Amino acid sequence: MSAVPEFAGKKIVMLAGPGESTNILFHALDAEFGVHRIIVETPVSQKQLLKRRAEKLGWATVLGQIAFKLAVAGPLGRGSQARLAALKKANQLDDRSLPEDRTIRVPSVNDPACIARLQALSPDVVVVNGTRIIAKRVLTSVPCPFLNTHAGITPLYRGVHGGYWALANNDAAHCGVSVHLVDAGIDTGGIIAQALIQPGPEDNFATYPLHQLIAGLPLLKDAVRAALGGNIQLRPAPEGTSRLWSHPTLAEYWANRRRTGVR
């Protein structure tokens, strides 16, 4: 763990779900600034997740999403391993496991145990990645900014798979990544920075998120630097309709692919 001399004594705490993107973000920030601790929540069970999604979208949509995952997303992911490995190598991404001596496990980011940990750690900035929606009581439990890297251009592409949905809508001008402040909404916090990605013909649904993570890393580092220096500046939101996107169904994916060629 290293630290930038001008920020010596400042504490960066990550609040995250388990997964490769969390590992990559941790090591990138740790190499740049030094991460004090990372609080990792236990993910929502698949059964509970599907039930909640069905309550919002209906079982017909959820079953279509499951069919997409089984018939398309899974095979694409398995078939894209070489491409993903090449992108990680080219961008020197470190996806090793988190160091256990700096990792704190909690049942949920919204559990009282998480609030207690945050207050005890007294961070100067909290970096969020891959968690469930964070309750306002958590966001106000410590007097520091919470930053998130979102795989989409907010507020046009909130929710999930923002890069894919932009391309599927013939909206390459908004296919990218955002770094924003976290509020109690879903990807509705103030925008700090945004960048576009330009996937190649060898890319697909499984590789777009890694492109977004790569493009977002320097933005996140700049945002952390600004947060530690107390000079975060927000930028105007792009014009357009704010929309919350979900996972594509199998029918949606094939209709989009026939119409646009987007994989």
Protein backbone atom coordinates (compact mmCIF):
# COMPACT_ATOMS: atom_id res chain seq x y z
CA MET A 1 0.00 0.00 0.00
CA SER A 2 1.32 3.43 -0.97
CA ALA A 3 0.07 6.95 -0.44
CA VAL A 4 0.42 10.28 -2.26
CA PRO A 5 2.46 12.53 0.09
CA GLU A 6 0.03 15.46 -0.17
CA PHE A 7 -2.75 13.18 1.06
CA ALA A 8 -0.81 11.50 3.85
CA GLY A 9 -3.16 10.77 6.73
CA LYS A 10 -6.23 10.81 4.49
CA LYS A 11 -8.34 7.66 4.47
CA ILE A 12 -9.89 6.04 1.42
CA VAL A 13 -12.44 3.36 2.25
CA MET A 14 -14.13 1.19 -0.36
CA LEU A 15 -17.69 -0.04 0.06
CA ALA A 16 -18.27 -2.85 -2.40
CA GLY A 17 -19.75 -6.13 -3.48
CA PRO A 18 -17.43 -9.05 -4.21
CA GLY A 19 -16.23 -9.54 -7.77
CA GLU A 20 -13.53 -8.93 -10.33
CA SER A 21 -14.34 -5.25 -10.89
CA THR A 22 -14.01 -4.61 -7.16
CA ASN A 23 -10.62 -6.35 -7.13
CA ILE A 24 -9.43 -4.27 -10.09
CA LEU A 25 -10.63 -0.98 -8.61
CA PHE A 26 -9.08 -1.76 -5.24
CA HIS A 27 -5.62 -2.51 -6.66
CA ALA A 28 -5.70 0.50 -8.98
CA LEU A 29 -6.62 2.89 -6.17
CA ASP A 30 -4.27 1.21 -3.71
CA ALA A 31 -1.33 1.62 -6.07
CA GLU A 32 -2.19 5.29 -6.61
CA PHE A 33 -3.20 6.43 -3.12
CA GLY A 34 -3.30 3.55 -0.67
CA VAL A 35 -6.70 2.18 0.36
CA HIS A 36 -7.20 2.09 4.13
CA ARG A 37 -9.93 -0.56 4.28
CA ILE A 38 -12.49 -2.22 2.01
CA ILE A 39 -15.91 -3.13 3.38
CA VAL A 40 -17.46 -5.97 1.37
CA GLU A 41 -21.12 -6.88 1.62
CA THR A 42 -22.71 -10.28 1.12
CA PRO A 43 -24.64 -10.21 -2.18
CA VAL A 44 -28.40 -10.62 -2.28
CA SER A 45 -29.27 -14.25 -2.96
CA GLN A 46 -30.26 -15.11 -6.52
CA LYS A 47 -33.71 -16.22 -5.36
CA GLN A 48 -34.34 -12.97 -3.51
CA LEU A 49 -32.96 -10.93 -6.40
CA LEU A 50 -35.27 -12.59 -8.91
CA LYS A 51 -38.26 -12.17 -6.62
CA ARG A 52 -37.61 -8.45 -6.20
CA ARG A 53 -37.08 -8.03 -9.92
CA ALA A 54 -40.31 -9.85 -10.69
CA GLU A 55 -42.20 -7.54 -8.33
CA LYS A 56 -41.00 -4.57 -10.41
CA LEU A 57 -40.96 -5.99 -13.93
CA GLY A 58 -43.25 -9.03 -13.85
CA TRP A 59 -42.35 -12.69 -14.18
CA ALA A 60 -42.67 -12.71 -17.99
CA THR A 61 -39.84 -10.18 -18.28
CA VAL A 62 -37.73 -11.90 -15.63
CA LEU A 63 -38.07 -15.28 -17.34
CA GLY A 64 -36.98 -13.62 -20.60
CA GLN A 65 -33.95 -12.20 -18.79
CA ILE A 66 -33.07 -15.63 -17.41
CA ALA A 67 -33.36 -17.08 -20.92
CA PHE A 68 -31.01 -14.37 -22.21
CA LYS A 69 -28.47 -15.14 -19.51
CA LEU A 70 -28.53 -18.87 -20.22
CA ALA A 71 -28.66 -18.72 -24.02
CA VAL A 72 -26.57 -15.63 -24.79
CA ALA A 73 -24.76 -13.89 -21.92
CA GLY A 74 -23.25 -17.10 -20.52
CA PRO A 75 -21.90 -18.38 -23.85
CA LEU A 76 -20.66 -14.89 -24.82
CA GLY A 77 -18.80 -14.60 -21.52
CA ARG A 78 -17.16 -18.00 -21.90
CA GLY A 79 -16.24 -17.27 -25.51
CA SER A 80 -14.76 -13.86 -24.67
CA GLN A 81 -12.17 -14.98 -22.11
CA ALA A 82 -9.23 -14.42 -24.46
CA ARG A 83 -10.46 -10.92 -25.34
CA LEU A 84 -11.03 -10.04 -21.69
CA ALA A 85 -7.57 -11.34 -20.75
CA ALA A 86 -5.99 -9.31 -23.55
CA LEU A 87 -7.74 -6.12 -22.40
CA LYS A 88 -6.64 -6.66 -18.80
CA LYS A 89 -3.08 -7.30 -19.86
CA ALA A 90 -2.92 -4.33 -22.23
CA ASN A 91 -4.19 -2.01 -19.50
CA GLN A 92 -2.16 -3.60 -16.69
CA LEU A 93 -5.22 -4.39 -14.60
CA ASP A 94 -4.62 -6.31 -11.39
CA ASP A 95 -7.54 -8.62 -10.59
CA ARG A 96 -5.96 -10.48 -7.67
CA SER A 97 -8.10 -11.17 -4.61
CA LEU A 98 -8.51 -8.51 -1.96
CA PRO A 99 -6.05 -8.54 0.95
CA GLU A 100 -7.83 -10.17 3.87
CA ASP A 101 -6.04 -8.03 6.45
CA ARG A 102 -7.74 -4.92 5.04
CA THR A 103 -11.09 -6.48 4.16
CA ILE A 104 -14.13 -6.14 6.43
CA ARG A 105 -17.17 -8.33 5.73
CA VAL A 106 -20.71 -7.16 6.48
CA PRO A 107 -24.12 -8.70 5.69
CA SER A 108 -25.22 -5.61 3.75
CA VAL A 109 -24.07 -2.06 3.10
CA ASN A 110 -27.29 -1.01 4.84
CA ASP A 111 -26.73 -3.12 7.95
CA PRO A 112 -26.03 -1.29 11.24
CA ALA A 113 -22.69 -3.13 11.33
CA CYS A 114 -21.64 -1.33 8.17
CA ILE A 115 -22.55 2.06 9.59
CA ALA A 116 -20.62 1.27 12.76
CA ARG A 117 -17.57 0.26 10.73
CA LEU A 118 -17.72 3.40 8.59
CA GLN A 119 -17.98 5.64 11.62
CA ALA A 120 -15.10 3.87 13.33
CA LEU A 121 -12.92 4.18 10.22
CA SER A 122 -13.79 7.87 9.74
CA PRO A 123 -12.96 7.98 6.01
CA ASP A 124 -12.22 11.10 3.98
CA VAL A 125 -13.80 9.54 0.89
CA VAL A 126 -15.80 6.36 0.27
CA VAL A 127 -15.52 4.63 -3.10
CA VAL A 128 -18.54 2.48 -3.94
CA ASN A 129 -18.60 -0.45 -6.36
CA GLY A 130 -21.15 -3.15 -7.09
CA THR A 131 -23.36 -2.82 -4.02
CA ARG A 132 -27.12 -2.83 -3.59
CA ILE A 133 -28.78 0.61 -3.38
CA ILE A 134 -27.27 2.40 -0.39
CA ALA A 135 -29.73 3.83 2.12
CA LYS A 136 -29.64 7.51 3.01
CA ARG A 137 -28.86 6.64 6.64
CA VAL A 138 -25.59 5.09 5.48
CA LEU A 139 -24.69 7.96 3.15
CA THR A 140 -25.17 10.46 5.97
CA SER A 141 -23.45 8.36 8.63
CA VAL A 142 -20.03 9.86 7.88
CA PRO A 143 -19.25 13.43 6.69
CA CYS A 144 -17.50 12.61 3.43
CA PRO A 145 -18.39 12.13 -0.25
CA PHE A 146 -19.34 8.71 -1.65
CA LEU A 147 -18.10 8.15 -5.22
CA ASN A 148 -19.26 5.57 -7.72
CA THR A 149 -18.17 4.48 -11.20
CA HIS A 150 -21.26 3.69 -13.25
CA ALA A 151 -21.17 1.61 -16.44
CA GLY A 152 -23.28 4.04 -18.43
CA ILE A 153 -23.75 7.71 -19.23
CA THR A 154 -26.03 9.10 -16.54
CA PRO A 155 -28.80 10.09 -16.32
CA LEU A 156 -29.67 8.69 -19.78
CA TYR A 157 -28.48 5.16 -19.02
CA ARG A 158 -29.01 4.46 -15.35
CA GLY A 159 -29.33 0.92 -14.03
CA VAL A 160 -27.37 -1.87 -15.72
CA HIS A 161 -25.62 -2.50 -19.05
CA GLY A 162 -25.55 1.17 -20.03
CA GLY A 163 -22.95 0.59 -22.75
CA TYR A 164 -24.95 -2.18 -24.39
CA TRP A 165 -28.22 -0.26 -24.27
CA ALA A 166 -26.64 2.85 -25.81
CA LEU A 167 -25.32 0.81 -28.72
CA ALA A 168 -28.61 -1.08 -29.07
CA ASN A 169 -30.34 2.31 -29.34
CA ASN A 170 -27.92 3.50 -32.05
CA ASP A 171 -26.67 6.03 -29.50
CA ALA A 172 -22.89 5.57 -29.63
CA ALA A 173 -22.56 9.23 -28.62
CA HIS A 174 -23.68 8.17 -25.15
CA CYS A 175 -21.93 4.81 -24.87
CA GLY A 176 -19.60 5.27 -21.95
CA VAL A 177 -18.99 5.53 -18.24
CA SER A 178 -19.74 8.03 -15.48
CA VAL A 179 -18.14 8.85 -12.15
CA HIS A 180 -20.67 10.47 -9.85
CA LEU A 181 -21.57 11.24 -6.28
CA VAL A 182 -23.79 8.64 -4.66
CA ASP A 183 -27.19 9.69 -3.38
CA ALA A 184 -30.19 7.66 -2.25
CA GLY A 185 -31.45 7.25 -5.84
CA ILE A 186 -30.32 4.84 -8.55
CA ASP A 187 -27.39 6.47 -10.40
CA THR A 188 -28.92 9.92 -9.84
CA GLY A 189 -26.07 11.64 -7.98
CA GLY A 190 -24.17 14.66 -9.27
CA ILE A 191 -21.91 13.92 -12.24
CA ILE A 192 -18.18 14.45 -11.73
CA ALA A 193 -16.83 13.09 -15.03
CA GLN A 194 -17.85 11.03 -18.05
CA ALA A 195 -16.00 9.32 -20.90
CA LEU A 196 -17.03 7.41 -24.02
CA ILE A 197 -15.85 3.99 -25.15
CA GLN A 198 -15.43 2.69 -28.70
CA PRO A 199 -15.74 -1.10 -28.72
CA GLY A 200 -14.32 -2.96 -31.70
CA PRO A 201 -15.88 -5.67 -33.86
CA GLU A 202 -14.42 -8.32 -31.53
CA ASP A 203 -16.35 -6.91 -28.56
CA ASN A 204 -19.79 -7.84 -27.28
CA PHE A 205 -22.14 -7.72 -24.31
CA ALA A 206 -19.54 -9.55 -22.19
CA THR A 207 -16.66 -7.17 -22.93
CA TYR A 208 -18.37 -3.76 -22.91
CA PRO A 209 -18.26 -3.49 -19.08
CA LEU A 210 -14.49 -4.00 -18.99
CA HIS A 211 -14.03 -1.25 -21.59
CA GLN A 212 -16.14 0.99 -19.36
CA LEU A 213 -14.10 0.09 -16.29
CA ILE A 214 -10.87 0.86 -18.14
CA ALA A 215 -12.19 4.23 -19.30
CA GLY A 216 -13.54 5.00 -15.85
CA LEU A 217 -10.41 4.28 -13.83
CA PRO A 218 -8.56 7.54 -14.61
CA LEU A 219 -11.78 9.49 -14.01
CA LEU A 220 -12.22 7.81 -10.64
CA LYS A 221 -8.64 8.52 -9.65
CA ASP A 222 -9.10 12.19 -10.52
CA ALA A 223 -12.37 12.25 -8.54
CA VAL A 224 -10.72 10.66 -5.50
CA ARG A 225 -7.90 13.19 -5.74
CA ALA A 226 -10.43 16.02 -5.89
CA ALA A 227 -12.40 14.58 -2.97
CA LEU A 228 -9.29 14.29 -0.82
CA GLY A 229 -8.39 17.86 -1.72
CA GLY A 230 -11.89 19.10 -0.96
CA ASN A 231 -12.51 20.47 -4.45
CA ILE A 232 -14.97 18.21 -6.25
CA GLN A 233 -16.59 19.98 -9.18
CA LEU A 234 -19.76 18.74 -10.85
CA ARG A 235 -20.56 18.90 -14.56
CA PRO A 236 -23.92 19.38 -16.25
CA ALA A 237 -25.87 16.28 -17.19
CA PRO A 238 -26.09 15.49 -20.91
CA GLU A 239 -29.38 16.39 -22.54
CA GLY A 240 -31.90 13.62 -22.98
CA THR A 241 -34.43 11.54 -21.11
CA SER A 242 -33.34 9.91 -17.86
CA ARG A 243 -34.18 6.23 -17.90
CA LEU A 244 -33.52 3.23 -15.69
CA TRP A 245 -32.44 0.18 -17.74
CA SER A 246 -32.58 -3.47 -16.77
CA HIS A 247 -31.18 -6.71 -18.20
CA PRO A 248 -32.33 -7.47 -21.77
CA THR A 249 -34.68 -10.34 -22.35
CA LEU A 250 -33.77 -12.94 -24.94
CA ALA A 251 -36.37 -11.51 -27.33
CA GLU A 252 -35.07 -7.95 -26.85
CA TYR A 253 -31.48 -9.00 -27.44
CA TRP A 254 -32.23 -10.78 -30.72
CA ALA A 255 -34.49 -7.97 -31.92
CA ASN A 256 -31.74 -5.43 -31.16
CA ARG A 257 -29.10 -7.58 -32.81
CA ARG A 258 -31.15 -7.98 -36.00
CA ARG A 259 -31.81 -4.25 -36.08
CA THR A 260 -28.35 -2.91 -35.18
CA GLY A 261 -25.88 -5.80 -35.32
CA VAL A 262 -24.87 -5.09 -31.72
CA ARG A 263 -23.70 -8.27 -30.00
